Each structure stands twice: as C-alpha cells, then as structure tokens.
Amino acid sequence: MSFALTVDQIMDGSKDVTRRLGWLQLKPGDLIRPVRKCMGLRPGEKIQVLRDPLRIVSVRREPLDMMTTDTEYGFEEVRREGFAWHPVYRFPSTWVAMFCATHKGCTPSTIVTRIEFAYGELP
C-alpha cells in the first residue's frame, strides 16, 4: 500500500489509520507492506519499502465528512492519520479538503474505507 503523502508519519509511527477510496477486500489480520509509491513508477524506479508489514486491525466504510460533522471524532481521526502536528491539516475540515484535493472524484460526502493498522511484532 502506498503512503506517498504520509511517508514521515509511517516512518515515525504516528499514523495508525488511513482512508482509501477502494481496498474493500481487506480484513482484520491481513498484512500490508507500506511503500512510498507503487503505481506510476518511471522506468528504472523501484518500489521503496518503508518498513516491516503492517497488520490490519479493522476495516469499515464511512462517509468522509463524518470527520467534520462529529468534530471530536474528526480531531481524533486527524491525529490518528498523523496530522496533529500540521498547522493547516490538523483541523478536520482542512484535512478532508486536502484528502478530496488529492483523490480524483472525491467529495466530502464520498464513502471511503477507513483502515486501522498496527506496527510491531506480527503474530
């Protein structure tokens, strides 16, 4: 799974939730390999693995704007996405706007896949 927009957060372990437009097949217990980029590689570019595999903890579908309608939930989710430190994207509304701007066809009402994962020892 590519984490091109959140490499630092994956590397420092501050991110344990990600949202995706697809990834409907994931289930708890699955392993994913975090990489910088895996699609659109130029000739000669190689996949850069960021760290050991991540274990999927939970997967669910929810509207993206759930983060802005329930601000307590939104601030916690922005933290879990690894953006609590960011001067602009630490706010749920600006984080949702950034997500939509970086995912073609996405709007705040889009249903996304919320994926929670864990670092560390694998079973």
N, C-alpha and C. Protein backbone atom coordinates (compact mmCIF):
# COMPACT_ATOMS: atom_id res chain seq x y z
N MET A 1 0.86 -1.17 0.00
CA MET A 1 0.00 0.00 0.00
C MET A 1 0.90 1.24 0.00
N SER A 2 0.59 2.16 -0.86
CA SER A 2 1.37 3.38 -1.00
C SER A 2 1.00 4.41 0.08
N PHE A 3 2.04 5.01 0.64
CA PHE A 3 1.86 6.07 1.63
C PHE A 3 2.65 7.30 1.19
N ALA A 4 2.58 7.64 -0.10
CA ALA A 4 3.37 8.73 -0.66
C ALA A 4 3.14 10.07 0.05
N LEU A 5 1.93 10.32 0.50
CA LEU A 5 1.61 11.60 1.16
C LEU A 5 1.93 11.60 2.65
N THR A 6 2.21 10.42 3.20
CA THR A 6 2.43 10.33 4.65
C THR A 6 3.63 9.46 5.00
N VAL A 7 4.69 9.57 4.21
CA VAL A 7 5.90 8.78 4.46
C VAL A 7 6.43 9.03 5.87
N ASP A 8 6.56 10.30 6.26
CA ASP A 8 7.12 10.62 7.58
C ASP A 8 6.28 10.02 8.71
N GLN A 9 4.95 10.08 8.56
CA GLN A 9 4.07 9.57 9.60
C GLN A 9 4.17 8.05 9.72
N ILE A 10 4.37 7.36 8.60
CA ILE A 10 4.57 5.91 8.64
C ILE A 10 5.91 5.60 9.28
N MET A 11 6.93 6.34 8.88
CA MET A 11 8.28 6.09 9.40
C MET A 11 8.37 6.33 10.90
N ASP A 12 7.69 7.38 11.40
CA ASP A 12 7.79 7.66 12.84
C ASP A 12 6.70 6.97 13.66
N GLY A 13 5.78 6.26 12.99
CA GLY A 13 4.75 5.51 13.69
C GLY A 13 3.61 6.33 14.25
N SER A 14 3.50 7.60 13.82
CA SER A 14 2.42 8.45 14.35
C SER A 14 1.09 8.22 13.63
N LYS A 15 1.08 7.43 12.59
CA LYS A 15 -0.13 7.17 11.81
C LYS A 15 -0.55 5.72 12.03
N ASP A 16 -1.79 5.50 12.44
CA ASP A 16 -2.29 4.12 12.55
C ASP A 16 -3.67 3.95 11.91
N VAL A 17 -4.07 4.96 11.15
CA VAL A 17 -5.32 4.92 10.39
C VAL A 17 -5.05 5.54 9.03
N THR A 18 -5.65 4.97 8.00
CA THR A 18 -5.59 5.56 6.67
C THR A 18 -6.96 5.43 6.02
N ARG A 19 -7.25 6.31 5.13
CA ARG A 19 -8.50 6.26 4.40
C ARG A 19 -8.20 6.07 2.92
N ARG A 20 -8.99 5.23 2.27
CA ARG A 20 -8.78 4.90 0.87
C ARG A 20 -10.12 4.88 0.15
N LEU A 21 -10.08 5.11 -1.16
CA LEU A 21 -11.30 5.05 -1.95
C LEU A 21 -11.67 3.62 -2.30
N GLY A 22 -10.74 2.71 -2.24
CA GLY A 22 -11.01 1.31 -2.54
C GLY A 22 -10.64 0.44 -1.36
N TRP A 23 -9.87 -0.61 -1.62
CA TRP A 23 -9.39 -1.52 -0.59
C TRP A 23 -10.53 -2.19 0.16
N LEU A 24 -11.56 -2.57 -0.57
CA LEU A 24 -12.74 -3.19 0.03
C LEU A 24 -12.50 -4.63 0.46
N GLN A 25 -11.45 -5.26 -0.06
CA GLN A 25 -11.19 -6.66 0.23
C GLN A 25 -10.42 -6.90 1.52
N LEU A 26 -9.86 -5.85 2.13
CA LEU A 26 -9.08 -6.02 3.36
C LEU A 26 -9.93 -6.54 4.51
N LYS A 27 -9.28 -7.27 5.41
CA LYS A 27 -9.97 -7.75 6.61
C LYS A 27 -8.97 -7.78 7.76
N PRO A 28 -9.45 -7.73 9.00
CA PRO A 28 -8.55 -7.79 10.14
C PRO A 28 -7.64 -9.01 10.06
N GLY A 29 -6.37 -8.78 10.39
CA GLY A 29 -5.38 -9.84 10.35
C GLY A 29 -4.54 -9.83 9.08
N ASP A 30 -5.05 -9.21 8.01
CA ASP A 30 -4.26 -9.12 6.78
C ASP A 30 -3.00 -8.31 7.04
N LEU A 31 -1.97 -8.58 6.24
CA LEU A 31 -0.72 -7.82 6.30
C LEU A 31 -0.59 -6.99 5.04
N ILE A 32 -0.11 -5.76 5.20
CA ILE A 32 0.17 -4.90 4.05
C ILE A 32 1.60 -4.38 4.17
N ARG A 33 2.25 -4.25 3.05
CA ARG A 33 3.61 -3.72 3.03
C ARG A 33 3.53 -2.23 2.70
N PRO A 34 3.97 -1.37 3.62
CA PRO A 34 3.94 0.06 3.35
C PRO A 34 5.08 0.49 2.42
N VAL A 35 4.73 1.13 1.32
CA VAL A 35 5.72 1.60 0.35
C VAL A 35 5.51 3.08 0.06
N ARG A 36 6.56 3.71 -0.46
CA ARG A 36 6.46 5.14 -0.80
C ARG A 36 5.49 5.32 -1.97
N LYS A 37 5.68 4.52 -3.00
CA LYS A 37 4.87 4.65 -4.21
C LYS A 37 4.91 3.30 -4.92
N CYS A 38 3.77 2.87 -5.46
CA CYS A 38 3.78 1.58 -6.16
C CYS A 38 3.15 1.66 -7.54
N MET A 39 2.48 2.74 -7.86
CA MET A 39 1.91 2.91 -9.20
C MET A 39 2.55 4.14 -9.83
N GLY A 40 2.64 4.14 -11.13
CA GLY A 40 3.19 5.30 -11.83
C GLY A 40 4.70 5.42 -11.69
N LEU A 41 5.37 4.28 -11.44
CA LEU A 41 6.82 4.31 -11.36
C LEU A 41 7.41 4.54 -12.76
N ARG A 42 8.44 5.36 -12.83
CA ARG A 42 9.11 5.61 -14.11
C ARG A 42 10.06 4.46 -14.41
N PRO A 43 10.45 4.31 -15.65
CA PRO A 43 11.41 3.25 -15.98
C PRO A 43 12.65 3.35 -15.10
N GLY A 44 13.02 2.24 -14.50
CA GLY A 44 14.19 2.21 -13.63
C GLY A 44 13.89 2.47 -12.17
N GLU A 45 12.74 3.08 -11.88
CA GLU A 45 12.36 3.31 -10.48
C GLU A 45 11.96 1.99 -9.85
N LYS A 46 12.29 1.85 -8.59
CA LYS A 46 11.93 0.63 -7.86
C LYS A 46 11.01 0.99 -6.71
N ILE A 47 10.22 0.02 -6.28
CA ILE A 47 9.36 0.21 -5.12
C ILE A 47 10.24 0.36 -3.88
N GLN A 48 9.98 1.41 -3.11
CA GLN A 48 10.74 1.67 -1.88
C GLN A 48 9.88 1.26 -0.68
N VAL A 49 10.25 0.15 -0.04
CA VAL A 49 9.55 -0.32 1.14
C VAL A 49 9.92 0.59 2.31
N LEU A 50 8.91 1.04 3.07
CA LEU A 50 9.14 1.98 4.16
C LEU A 50 9.48 1.31 5.49
N ARG A 51 8.87 0.15 5.74
CA ARG A 51 9.11 -0.56 7.00
C ARG A 51 8.49 -1.95 6.92
N ASP A 52 8.58 -2.68 8.02
CA ASP A 52 8.00 -4.02 8.08
C ASP A 52 6.50 -3.96 7.81
N PRO A 53 5.92 -5.10 7.44
CA PRO A 53 4.47 -5.11 7.15
C PRO A 53 3.64 -4.61 8.33
N LEU A 54 2.50 -4.03 7.99
CA LEU A 54 1.53 -3.55 8.96
C LEU A 54 0.41 -4.57 9.04
N ARG A 55 -0.12 -4.78 10.24
CA ARG A 55 -1.21 -5.73 10.43
C ARG A 55 -2.53 -4.96 10.49
N ILE A 56 -3.48 -5.36 9.68
CA ILE A 56 -4.78 -4.70 9.66
C ILE A 56 -5.54 -5.07 10.94
N VAL A 57 -6.05 -4.03 11.62
CA VAL A 57 -6.81 -4.21 12.86
C VAL A 57 -8.31 -4.15 12.58
N SER A 58 -8.73 -3.16 11.79
CA SER A 58 -10.15 -3.05 11.46
C SER A 58 -10.31 -2.33 10.12
N VAL A 59 -11.43 -2.62 9.47
CA VAL A 59 -11.76 -2.01 8.18
C VAL A 59 -13.25 -1.71 8.21
N ARG A 60 -13.61 -0.48 7.85
CA ARG A 60 -15.04 -0.15 7.76
C ARG A 60 -15.23 0.97 6.74
N ARG A 61 -16.45 1.08 6.25
CA ARG A 61 -16.81 2.12 5.29
C ARG A 61 -17.55 3.22 6.04
N GLU A 62 -17.23 4.47 5.69
CA GLU A 62 -17.90 5.60 6.31
C GLU A 62 -17.79 6.83 5.41
N PRO A 63 -18.74 7.76 5.53
CA PRO A 63 -18.63 8.99 4.74
C PRO A 63 -17.45 9.83 5.26
N LEU A 64 -16.70 10.38 4.33
CA LEU A 64 -15.54 11.19 4.71
C LEU A 64 -15.95 12.35 5.61
N ASP A 65 -17.10 12.96 5.33
CA ASP A 65 -17.50 14.12 6.13
C ASP A 65 -17.95 13.77 7.54
N MET A 66 -17.91 12.49 7.91
CA MET A 66 -18.15 12.12 9.30
C MET A 66 -17.13 12.81 10.21
N MET A 67 -15.95 13.10 9.64
CA MET A 67 -14.89 13.78 10.39
C MET A 67 -15.23 15.24 10.66
N THR A 68 -16.10 15.82 9.87
CA THR A 68 -16.45 17.23 10.08
C THR A 68 -17.79 17.39 10.79
N THR A 69 -18.64 16.39 10.72
CA THR A 69 -19.93 16.51 11.41
C THR A 69 -19.80 16.16 12.89
N ASP A 70 -18.84 15.33 13.23
CA ASP A 70 -18.55 14.99 14.63
C ASP A 70 -17.12 15.44 14.89
N THR A 71 -16.96 16.68 15.37
CA THR A 71 -15.62 17.26 15.46
C THR A 71 -14.73 16.55 16.47
N GLU A 72 -15.29 16.01 17.54
CA GLU A 72 -14.45 15.25 18.48
C GLU A 72 -13.83 14.04 17.76
N TYR A 73 -14.68 13.33 17.03
CA TYR A 73 -14.20 12.20 16.23
C TYR A 73 -13.20 12.69 15.18
N GLY A 74 -13.51 13.80 14.53
CA GLY A 74 -12.65 14.34 13.48
C GLY A 74 -11.25 14.67 13.97
N PHE A 75 -11.14 15.34 15.10
CA PHE A 75 -9.81 15.69 15.62
C PHE A 75 -9.03 14.44 16.01
N GLU A 76 -9.70 13.45 16.59
CA GLU A 76 -9.02 12.21 16.95
C GLU A 76 -8.56 11.48 15.69
N GLU A 77 -9.39 11.46 14.65
CA GLU A 77 -9.01 10.79 13.41
C GLU A 77 -7.88 11.51 12.69
N VAL A 78 -7.88 12.83 12.70
CA VAL A 78 -6.77 13.58 12.11
C VAL A 78 -5.47 13.23 12.85
N ARG A 79 -5.53 13.10 14.16
CA ARG A 79 -4.36 12.69 14.94
C ARG A 79 -3.91 11.30 14.50
N ARG A 80 -4.86 10.38 14.38
CA ARG A 80 -4.53 9.00 14.01
C ARG A 80 -4.02 8.91 12.57
N GLU A 81 -4.42 9.83 11.72
CA GLU A 81 -3.91 9.91 10.34
C GLU A 81 -2.49 10.48 10.32
N GLY A 82 -2.02 11.00 11.46
CA GLY A 82 -0.66 11.51 11.57
C GLY A 82 -0.49 12.98 11.31
N PHE A 83 -1.57 13.77 11.44
CA PHE A 83 -1.51 15.19 11.12
C PHE A 83 -1.75 16.13 12.29
N ALA A 84 -1.69 15.64 13.52
CA ALA A 84 -1.94 16.51 14.70
C ALA A 84 -0.95 17.67 14.76
N TRP A 85 0.23 17.49 14.26
CA TRP A 85 1.30 18.48 14.29
C TRP A 85 1.16 19.55 13.21
N HIS A 86 0.40 19.27 12.17
CA HIS A 86 0.37 20.13 10.97
C HIS A 86 -0.40 21.42 11.24
N PRO A 87 0.17 22.59 10.88
CA PRO A 87 -0.51 23.86 11.16
C PRO A 87 -1.83 24.05 10.41
N VAL A 88 -2.00 23.42 9.25
CA VAL A 88 -3.22 23.57 8.47
C VAL A 88 -4.10 22.33 8.56
N TYR A 89 -3.52 21.16 8.31
CA TYR A 89 -4.31 19.93 8.19
C TYR A 89 -4.64 19.28 9.52
N ARG A 90 -4.33 19.93 10.63
CA ARG A 90 -4.70 19.36 11.93
C ARG A 90 -6.18 19.58 12.24
N PHE A 91 -6.85 20.35 11.40
CA PHE A 91 -8.29 20.60 11.56
C PHE A 91 -9.07 19.66 10.65
N PRO A 92 -10.11 19.03 11.16
CA PRO A 92 -10.86 18.08 10.33
C PRO A 92 -11.32 18.65 8.98
N SER A 93 -11.81 19.87 8.96
CA SER A 93 -12.32 20.43 7.69
C SER A 93 -11.22 20.61 6.66
N THR A 94 -10.05 21.07 7.08
CA THR A 94 -8.96 21.25 6.12
C THR A 94 -8.34 19.92 5.74
N TRP A 95 -8.34 18.95 6.65
CA TRP A 95 -7.84 17.62 6.33
C TRP A 95 -8.73 16.97 5.27
N VAL A 96 -10.04 17.06 5.45
CA VAL A 96 -10.98 16.50 4.48
C VAL A 96 -10.80 17.18 3.12
N ALA A 97 -10.63 18.50 3.12
CA ALA A 97 -10.41 19.22 1.86
C ALA A 97 -9.13 18.76 1.17
N MET A 98 -8.07 18.53 1.94
CA MET A 98 -6.81 18.04 1.38
C MET A 98 -7.00 16.64 0.80
N PHE A 99 -7.71 15.77 1.52
CA PHE A 99 -7.96 14.41 1.04
C PHE A 99 -8.70 14.47 -0.30
N CYS A 100 -9.73 15.28 -0.37
CA CYS A 100 -10.52 15.40 -1.61
C CYS A 100 -9.67 15.95 -2.75
N ALA A 101 -8.81 16.91 -2.45
CA ALA A 101 -7.96 17.52 -3.48
C ALA A 101 -6.93 16.54 -4.03
N THR A 102 -6.56 15.54 -3.25
CA THR A 102 -5.53 14.59 -3.67
C THR A 102 -6.10 13.26 -4.16
N HIS A 103 -7.43 13.14 -4.18
CA HIS A 103 -8.08 11.91 -4.63
C HIS A 103 -9.16 12.28 -5.66
N LYS A 104 -8.84 12.06 -6.91
CA LYS A 104 -9.72 12.46 -8.02
C LYS A 104 -11.15 11.93 -7.83
N GLY A 105 -12.11 12.82 -7.99
CA GLY A 105 -13.52 12.45 -7.90
C GLY A 105 -14.07 12.39 -6.49
N CYS A 106 -13.23 12.63 -5.50
CA CYS A 106 -13.67 12.55 -4.10
C CYS A 106 -14.31 13.87 -3.67
N THR A 107 -15.40 13.76 -2.92
CA THR A 107 -16.05 14.91 -2.29
C THR A 107 -16.20 14.59 -0.82
N PRO A 108 -16.52 15.57 0.00
CA PRO A 108 -16.69 15.28 1.43
C PRO A 108 -17.75 14.22 1.72
N SER A 109 -18.72 14.04 0.86
CA SER A 109 -19.76 13.04 1.10
C SER A 109 -19.40 11.64 0.57
N THR A 110 -18.24 11.51 -0.05
CA THR A 110 -17.81 10.22 -0.57
C THR A 110 -17.66 9.20 0.56
N ILE A 111 -18.13 7.99 0.30
CA ILE A 111 -17.94 6.89 1.25
C ILE A 111 -16.53 6.34 1.02
N VAL A 112 -15.72 6.33 2.08
CA VAL A 112 -14.34 5.86 1.98
C VAL A 112 -14.14 4.64 2.87
N THR A 113 -13.03 3.97 2.66
CA THR A 113 -12.67 2.84 3.51
C THR A 113 -11.70 3.32 4.57
N ARG A 114 -12.11 3.19 5.82
CA ARG A 114 -11.24 3.56 6.95
C ARG A 114 -10.52 2.30 7.39
N ILE A 115 -9.19 2.35 7.36
CA ILE A 115 -8.35 1.19 7.66
C ILE A 115 -7.49 1.50 8.87
N GLU A 116 -7.65 0.71 9.92
CA GLU A 116 -6.81 0.83 11.10
C GLU A 116 -5.78 -0.28 11.05
N PHE A 117 -4.52 0.07 11.39
CA PHE A 117 -3.44 -0.91 11.33
C PHE A 117 -2.53 -0.77 12.54
N ALA A 118 -1.71 -1.79 12.75
CA ALA A 118 -0.79 -1.81 13.89
C ALA A 118 0.62 -2.08 13.41
N TYR A 119 1.57 -1.53 14.16
CA TYR A 119 3.00 -1.74 13.91
C TYR A 119 3.50 -2.81 14.88
N GLY A 120 4.73 -3.22 14.66
CA GLY A 120 5.38 -4.07 15.65
C GLY A 120 5.34 -5.54 15.32
N GLU A 121 5.48 -6.32 16.38
CA GLU A 121 5.56 -7.77 16.24
C GLU A 121 4.32 -8.31 15.53
N LEU A 122 4.56 -9.17 14.58
CA LEU A 122 3.46 -9.82 13.89
C LEU A 122 3.23 -11.19 14.51
N PRO A 123 1.97 -11.62 14.55
CA PRO A 123 1.68 -12.92 15.18
C PRO A 123 2.29 -14.08 14.41
